[in-house]
């Protein structure tokens, strides 16, 4: 393939012909003759040294190579049109974030006013998903995804690791008259977040066979599980990212010492190849500073004095 940039007018003519799969319709759209379209496509084929179309009687179809050139031309022309449309206009400073609804509601949203006070000129637009384990397909500046990384066509870096642990209302086990243990867990008080995986893991880790990890109720949002536990419905499995505020304000406690590391983590994801704007860089720096403060809080919480006092 030639390394030099092809004639942009020829590329524009080719994009129209490929989109319509017709030289005639492309000529009509561009207000030129069909012969002019044919000549521009031929010049582009000469530039690349390969055919872009298979020509049949009254019909053209893209060759495999032509399809690749069309994809590149389509993206390039759309981007050029969008960027030229912004020339001479005042661009709004905006960061577009897509993230799991529980992460936004339980961790990010309470902290967001701090960013807005520091950067009042930047608007943060947030789109939430009930469950999110892959990068979004549409336009975005950042996504926060719970998983193990290794996604394609994007850049990703760990934001926060996580541990999980049972939580309940402060007075849930008061009737026992003694410190509770996992052996005090009953089938009817289990609250599951999306699946029964973590209660099965805690049962196996503690050798607790007195409850059926498949029993209890299942909710599809962490926020519902935490609120159900806080009002005394039972025990759920919390995590360091979504449960910190409930522990900090005393709505929930960790009744047992057991906690398990999660194999997953929260990742900060951005589109591959994008050059970050100043506002995106500001948001990323702020987010990482908040994540670092979050980790420091948990180190204090899990220290012997911290775990007794609740932080």
Protein backbone atom coordinates (compact mmCIF):
# COMPACT_ATOMS: atom_id res chain seq x y z
CA UNK A 1 0.00 0.00 0.00
CA UNK A 2 1.22 3.48 -0.82
CA UNK A 3 2.46 5.42 2.17
CA UNK A 4 1.51 8.87 0.86
CA UNK A 5 -1.94 10.32 1.51
CA UNK A 6 -4.30 9.76 -1.44
CA UNK A 7 -6.07 12.61 -3.20
CA UNK A 8 -8.76 13.73 -0.74
CA UNK A 9 -11.28 14.59 -3.44
CA UNK A 10 -10.86 11.12 -4.95
CA UNK A 11 -11.33 9.63 -1.49
CA UNK A 12 -14.53 11.63 -0.99
CA UNK A 13 -15.87 10.47 -4.36
CA UNK A 14 -14.95 6.86 -3.57
CA UNK A 15 -16.69 7.03 -0.16
CA UNK A 16 -19.93 8.18 -1.82
CA UNK A 17 -19.72 5.48 -4.50
CA UNK A 18 -19.00 2.77 -1.91
CA UNK A 19 -21.83 3.94 0.36
CA UNK A 20 -24.36 3.87 -2.50
CA UNK A 21 -22.71 0.94 -4.34
CA UNK A 22 -23.39 3.01 -7.45
CA UNK A 23 -21.38 5.48 -9.52
CA UNK A 24 -24.65 7.01 -10.75
CA UNK A 25 -26.01 7.75 -7.26
CA UNK A 26 -22.62 9.04 -6.13
CA UNK A 27 -22.52 11.39 -9.13
CA UNK A 28 -26.00 12.67 -8.29
CA UNK A 29 -25.08 13.29 -4.65
CA UNK A 30 -21.87 15.13 -5.55
CA UNK A 31 -23.37 17.00 -8.55
CA UNK A 32 -20.78 15.67 -10.99
CA UNK A 33 -20.94 13.33 -13.98
CA UNK A 34 -20.77 9.56 -13.70
CA UNK A 35 -17.64 9.70 -15.83
CA UNK A 36 -15.99 12.01 -13.29
CA UNK A 37 -16.78 9.56 -10.49
CA UNK A 38 -15.34 6.68 -12.51
CA UNK A 39 -12.13 8.63 -13.21
CA UNK A 40 -11.62 9.56 -9.57
CA UNK A 41 -12.11 5.95 -8.44
CA UNK A 42 -9.69 4.76 -11.15
CA UNK A 43 -7.11 7.31 -9.95
CA UNK A 44 -7.52 6.04 -6.38
CA UNK A 45 -7.08 2.42 -7.52
CA UNK A 46 -3.90 3.44 -9.31
CA UNK A 47 -2.68 5.14 -6.12
CA UNK A 48 -3.22 2.01 -4.04
CA UNK A 49 -2.21 -0.42 -6.77
CA UNK A 50 -5.32 -2.53 -6.14
CA UNK A 51 -8.91 -2.68 -7.32
CA UNK A 52 -11.48 -1.13 -5.01
CA UNK A 53 -14.56 -2.39 -6.88
CA UNK A 54 -15.53 -5.47 -8.82
CA UNK A 55 -17.35 -4.08 -11.86
CA UNK A 56 -20.21 -6.14 -13.27
CA UNK A 57 -22.98 -5.30 -15.71
CA UNK A 58 -24.77 -2.28 -14.19
CA UNK A 59 -23.47 -3.15 -10.74
CA UNK A 60 -20.39 -2.55 -8.62
CA UNK A 61 -19.37 -4.33 -5.41
CA UNK A 62 -16.51 -3.55 -3.07
CA UNK A 63 -13.50 -5.86 -3.09
CA UNK A 64 -12.20 -7.00 0.34
CA UNK A 65 -9.49 -4.35 0.04
CA UNK A 66 -12.10 -1.80 -1.00
CA UNK A 67 -14.14 -2.55 2.13
CA UNK A 68 -11.13 -1.77 4.33
CA UNK A 69 -10.48 1.50 2.48
CA UNK A 70 -14.16 2.41 2.78
CA UNK A 71 -14.14 1.87 6.57
CA UNK A 72 -11.12 4.13 6.93
CA UNK A 73 -12.54 6.77 4.58
CA UNK A 74 -15.94 6.74 6.29
CA UNK A 75 -14.39 7.30 9.73
CA UNK A 76 -11.97 9.93 8.45
CA UNK A 77 -14.56 11.98 6.57
CA UNK A 78 -17.04 11.85 9.48
CA UNK A 79 -14.33 12.98 11.90
CA UNK A 80 -13.21 15.77 9.58
CA UNK A 81 -16.79 16.96 9.14
CA UNK A 82 -17.36 16.96 12.90
CA UNK A 83 -14.13 18.78 13.71
CA UNK A 84 -14.65 21.41 10.98
CA UNK A 85 -18.12 22.01 12.36
CA UNK A 86 -16.54 23.05 15.64
CA UNK A 87 -14.15 25.53 14.07
CA UNK A 88 -14.99 29.04 15.20
CA UNK A 89 -17.34 27.83 17.94
CA UNK A 90 -16.69 27.74 21.67
CA UNK A 91 -16.33 24.11 22.61
CA UNK A 92 -18.07 23.06 25.80
CA UNK A 93 -15.66 21.57 28.32
CA UNK A 94 -17.11 18.16 28.98
CA UNK A 95 -16.06 14.75 30.25
CA UNK A 96 -18.29 11.83 29.23
CA UNK A 97 -18.27 8.91 31.66
CA UNK A 98 -20.00 5.53 31.34
CA UNK A 99 -20.01 3.34 34.44
CA UNK A 100 -21.77 0.70 36.50
CA UNK A 101 -24.81 2.20 38.27
CA UNK A 102 -23.75 0.94 41.71
CA UNK A 103 -20.25 2.40 41.34
CA UNK A 104 -21.69 5.77 40.38
CA UNK A 105 -24.39 5.92 43.06
CA UNK A 106 -22.38 4.46 45.95
CA UNK A 107 -18.85 5.73 45.31
CA UNK A 108 -18.50 8.39 42.61
CA UNK A 109 -21.61 10.53 43.02
CA UNK A 110 -21.04 11.49 46.68
CA UNK A 111 -17.51 12.66 45.73
CA UNK A 112 -18.41 14.45 42.50
CA UNK A 113 -19.18 17.86 44.08
CA UNK A 114 -15.49 18.04 45.03
CA UNK A 115 -14.51 17.86 41.36
CA UNK A 116 -17.17 20.38 40.36
CA UNK A 117 -15.93 22.86 42.98
CA UNK A 118 -12.34 22.45 41.77
CA UNK A 119 -13.28 22.64 38.06
CA UNK A 120 -16.56 24.57 37.76
CA UNK A 121 -16.00 25.10 34.02
CA UNK A 122 -16.02 21.34 33.27
CA UNK A 123 -19.30 19.48 32.90
CA UNK A 124 -19.28 15.78 33.76
CA UNK A 125 -21.90 13.79 31.84
CA UNK A 126 -22.62 10.36 33.31
CA UNK A 127 -24.37 7.39 31.76
CA UNK A 128 -25.00 4.40 34.04
CA UNK A 129 -25.51 0.74 33.25
CA UNK A 130 -27.07 -1.86 35.58
CA UNK A 131 -24.24 -4.24 34.77
CA UNK A 132 -21.10 -3.41 32.84
CA UNK A 133 -18.22 -5.76 32.08
CA UNK A 134 -17.08 -4.56 28.64
CA UNK A 135 -16.22 -1.11 27.21
CA UNK A 136 -19.16 0.84 25.73
CA UNK A 137 -19.35 0.98 21.97
CA UNK A 138 -20.45 4.60 21.64
CA UNK A 139 -18.52 7.83 22.20
CA UNK A 140 -17.07 8.26 25.67
CA UNK A 141 -14.03 9.74 27.38
CA UNK A 142 -13.84 7.27 30.25
CA UNK A 143 -15.57 4.15 31.46
CA UNK A 144 -15.23 2.52 34.86
CA UNK A 145 -15.57 -1.24 34.51
CA UNK A 146 -15.54 -4.04 37.06
CA UNK A 147 -13.54 -6.97 35.72
CA UNK A 148 -10.07 -8.34 35.01
CA UNK A 149 -8.93 -6.18 32.12
CA UNK A 150 -7.67 -7.56 28.80
CA UNK A 151 -10.34 -5.77 26.77
CA UNK A 152 -9.62 -5.03 23.14
CA UNK A 153 -9.62 -1.73 21.26
CA UNK A 154 -9.23 0.44 24.35
CA UNK A 155 -6.75 1.54 26.99
CA UNK A 156 -7.29 0.36 30.55
CA UNK A 157 -5.50 0.81 33.87
CA UNK A 158 -6.47 -0.49 37.34
CA UNK A 159 -8.26 2.10 39.44
CA UNK A 160 -9.11 0.22 42.65
CA UNK A 161 -8.77 -3.33 43.90
CA UNK A 162 -11.43 -4.78 46.12
CA UNK A 163 -12.14 -7.14 49.02
CA UNK A 164 -15.54 -8.52 50.03
CA UNK A 165 -17.01 -9.24 53.46
CA UNK A 166 -20.40 -9.92 55.12
CA UNK A 167 -22.24 -6.88 56.48
CA UNK A 168 -25.42 -6.35 58.49
CA UNK A 169 -27.28 -3.77 60.57
CA UNK A 170 -25.48 -2.85 63.85
CA UNK A 171 -28.09 -4.54 66.07
CA UNK A 172 -28.77 -7.55 63.88
CA UNK A 173 -27.10 -10.09 66.19
CA UNK A 174 -27.83 -8.36 69.51
CA UNK A 175 -30.16 -11.16 70.63
CA UNK A 176 -27.23 -13.61 70.71
CA UNK A 177 -25.63 -11.83 73.65
CA UNK A 178 -22.17 -12.68 72.30
CA UNK A 179 -19.98 -11.92 69.25
CA UNK A 180 -21.49 -13.66 66.20
CA UNK A 181 -19.69 -16.00 63.81
CA UNK A 182 -20.42 -17.38 60.36
CA UNK A 183 -21.97 -20.39 62.05
CA UNK A 184 -24.78 -18.12 63.21
CA UNK A 185 -25.82 -17.48 59.60
CA UNK A 186 -29.17 -19.03 58.63
CA UNK A 187 -30.68 -19.73 55.24
CA UNK A 188 -33.48 -17.18 55.59
CA UNK A 189 -31.19 -14.17 56.25
CA UNK A 190 -28.95 -14.44 53.17
CA UNK A 191 -29.06 -11.55 50.69
CA UNK A 192 -27.24 -12.16 47.40
CA UNK A 193 -25.84 -9.54 45.05
CA UNK A 194 -26.61 -10.85 41.53
CA UNK A 195 -25.51 -14.43 42.30
CA UNK A 196 -24.87 -16.84 45.18
CA UNK A 197 -21.12 -16.99 44.46
CA UNK A 198 -19.80 -15.02 47.43
CA UNK A 199 -21.93 -16.67 50.10
CA UNK A 200 -20.76 -20.03 48.74
CA UNK A 201 -17.16 -18.78 48.98
CA UNK A 202 -17.58 -17.63 52.58
CA UNK A 203 -19.23 -20.87 53.57
CA UNK A 204 -16.35 -22.87 52.09
CA UNK A 205 -13.65 -20.60 53.54
CA UNK A 206 -15.02 -20.78 57.09
CA UNK A 207 -16.11 -24.40 56.97
CA UNK A 208 -19.59 -23.22 57.85
CA UNK A 209 -22.04 -25.91 56.77
CA UNK A 210 -25.00 -24.72 58.82
CA UNK A 211 -26.49 -22.63 56.01
CA UNK A 212 -27.34 -23.31 52.39
CA UNK A 213 -25.51 -20.72 50.23
CA UNK A 214 -28.18 -21.16 47.56
CA UNK A 215 -30.92 -20.01 49.93
CA UNK A 216 -32.13 -16.47 50.52
CA UNK A 217 -33.05 -13.65 48.16
CA UNK A 218 -31.18 -12.28 45.12
CA UNK A 219 -31.16 -8.65 43.97
CA UNK A 220 -29.54 -7.37 40.76
CA UNK A 221 -28.12 -4.18 42.28
CA UNK A 222 -25.64 -3.75 45.11
CA UNK A 223 -27.52 -0.71 46.39
CA UNK A 224 -30.64 -2.81 46.99
CA UNK A 225 -28.65 -5.45 48.87
CA UNK A 226 -26.98 -2.89 51.13
CA UNK A 227 -30.23 -1.07 51.91
CA UNK A 228 -31.99 -4.37 52.68
CA UNK A 229 -29.20 -5.30 55.09
CA UNK A 230 -29.21 -1.82 56.68
CA UNK A 231 -32.92 -2.06 57.50
CA UNK A 232 -32.41 -5.45 59.15
CA UNK A 233 -33.64 -7.86 56.47
CA UNK A 234 -30.52 -10.04 56.73
CA UNK A 235 -26.85 -10.25 55.79
CA UNK A 236 -25.33 -9.39 52.46
CA UNK A 237 -21.78 -9.41 51.09
CA UNK A 238 -20.39 -5.89 50.80
CA UNK A 239 -17.21 -4.70 49.14
CA UNK A 240 -14.68 -1.96 49.77
CA UNK A 241 -15.80 0.26 46.91
CA UNK A 242 -19.57 0.30 47.31
CA UNK A 243 -19.92 -0.24 51.08
CA UNK A 244 -17.52 2.31 52.58
CA UNK A 245 -20.11 5.04 53.18
CA UNK A 246 -22.52 2.61 54.87
CA UNK A 247 -19.75 1.57 57.26
CA UNK A 248 -18.51 5.11 57.76
CA UNK A 249 -21.91 6.42 58.87
CA UNK A 250 -22.77 3.33 60.93
CA UNK A 251 -25.67 2.01 58.87
CA UNK A 252 -23.80 -1.27 58.45
CA UNK A 253 -21.10 -3.16 60.35
CA UNK A 254 -18.78 -6.08 59.61
CA UNK A 255 -20.01 -8.70 62.12
CA UNK A 256 -17.29 -11.25 61.29
CA UNK A 257 -13.53 -10.93 60.79
CA UNK A 258 -13.58 -12.91 57.55
CA UNK A 259 -12.98 -11.11 54.27
CA UNK A 260 -11.91 -12.39 50.87
CA UNK A 261 -9.94 -10.68 48.09
CA UNK A 262 -11.83 -10.33 44.84
CA UNK A 263 -10.14 -11.52 41.64
CA UNK A 264 -11.73 -8.54 39.88
CA UNK A 265 -10.95 -4.84 40.15
CA UNK A 266 -12.28 -1.52 38.94
CA UNK A 267 -10.50 -0.34 35.79
CA UNK A 268 -10.44 3.11 34.23
CA UNK A 269 -10.98 2.61 30.50
CA UNK A 270 -10.58 5.09 27.64
CA UNK A 271 -10.83 4.77 23.84
CA UNK A 272 -7.71 3.50 22.10
CA UNK A 273 -5.66 6.14 20.33
CA UNK A 274 -7.45 9.18 21.75
CA UNK A 275 -5.39 12.17 22.83
CA UNK A 276 -6.78 13.30 26.15
CA UNK A 277 -8.17 16.80 26.39
CA UNK A 278 -7.16 19.06 29.29
CA UNK A 279 -10.50 18.42 30.97
CA UNK A 280 -10.13 14.65 30.60
CA UNK A 281 -6.65 14.81 32.14
CA UNK A 282 -8.02 16.89 35.02
CA UNK A 283 -10.80 14.37 35.68
CA UNK A 284 -8.43 11.40 35.51
CA UNK A 285 -6.02 13.02 37.99
CA UNK A 286 -8.86 13.88 40.37
CA UNK A 287 -10.33 10.38 40.14
CA UNK A 288 -6.99 8.74 40.96
CA UNK A 289 -6.46 11.08 43.91
CA UNK A 290 -9.89 10.10 45.26
CA UNK A 291 -9.08 6.41 44.75
CA UNK A 292 -5.82 6.83 46.68
CA UNK A 293 -7.66 8.53 49.58
CA UNK A 294 -10.20 5.69 49.51
CA UNK A 295 -7.45 3.09 49.85
CA UNK A 296 -5.88 4.98 52.77
CA UNK A 297 -9.24 4.97 54.57
CA UNK A 298 -9.53 1.23 54.21
CA UNK A 299 -6.02 0.60 55.49
CA UNK A 300 -6.97 2.48 58.63
CA UNK A 301 -10.32 0.68 58.86
CA UNK A 302 -8.76 -2.77 58.69
CA UNK A 303 -6.10 -1.94 61.26
CA UNK A 304 -6.96 -3.47 64.66
CA UNK A 305 -8.05 -0.15 66.16
CA UNK A 306 -9.86 0.85 63.00
CA UNK A 307 -11.85 -2.38 62.69
CA UNK A 308 -13.03 -1.97 66.27
CA UNK A 309 -14.00 1.69 65.91
CA UNK A 310 -15.42 1.49 62.38
CA UNK A 311 -12.78 3.91 61.02
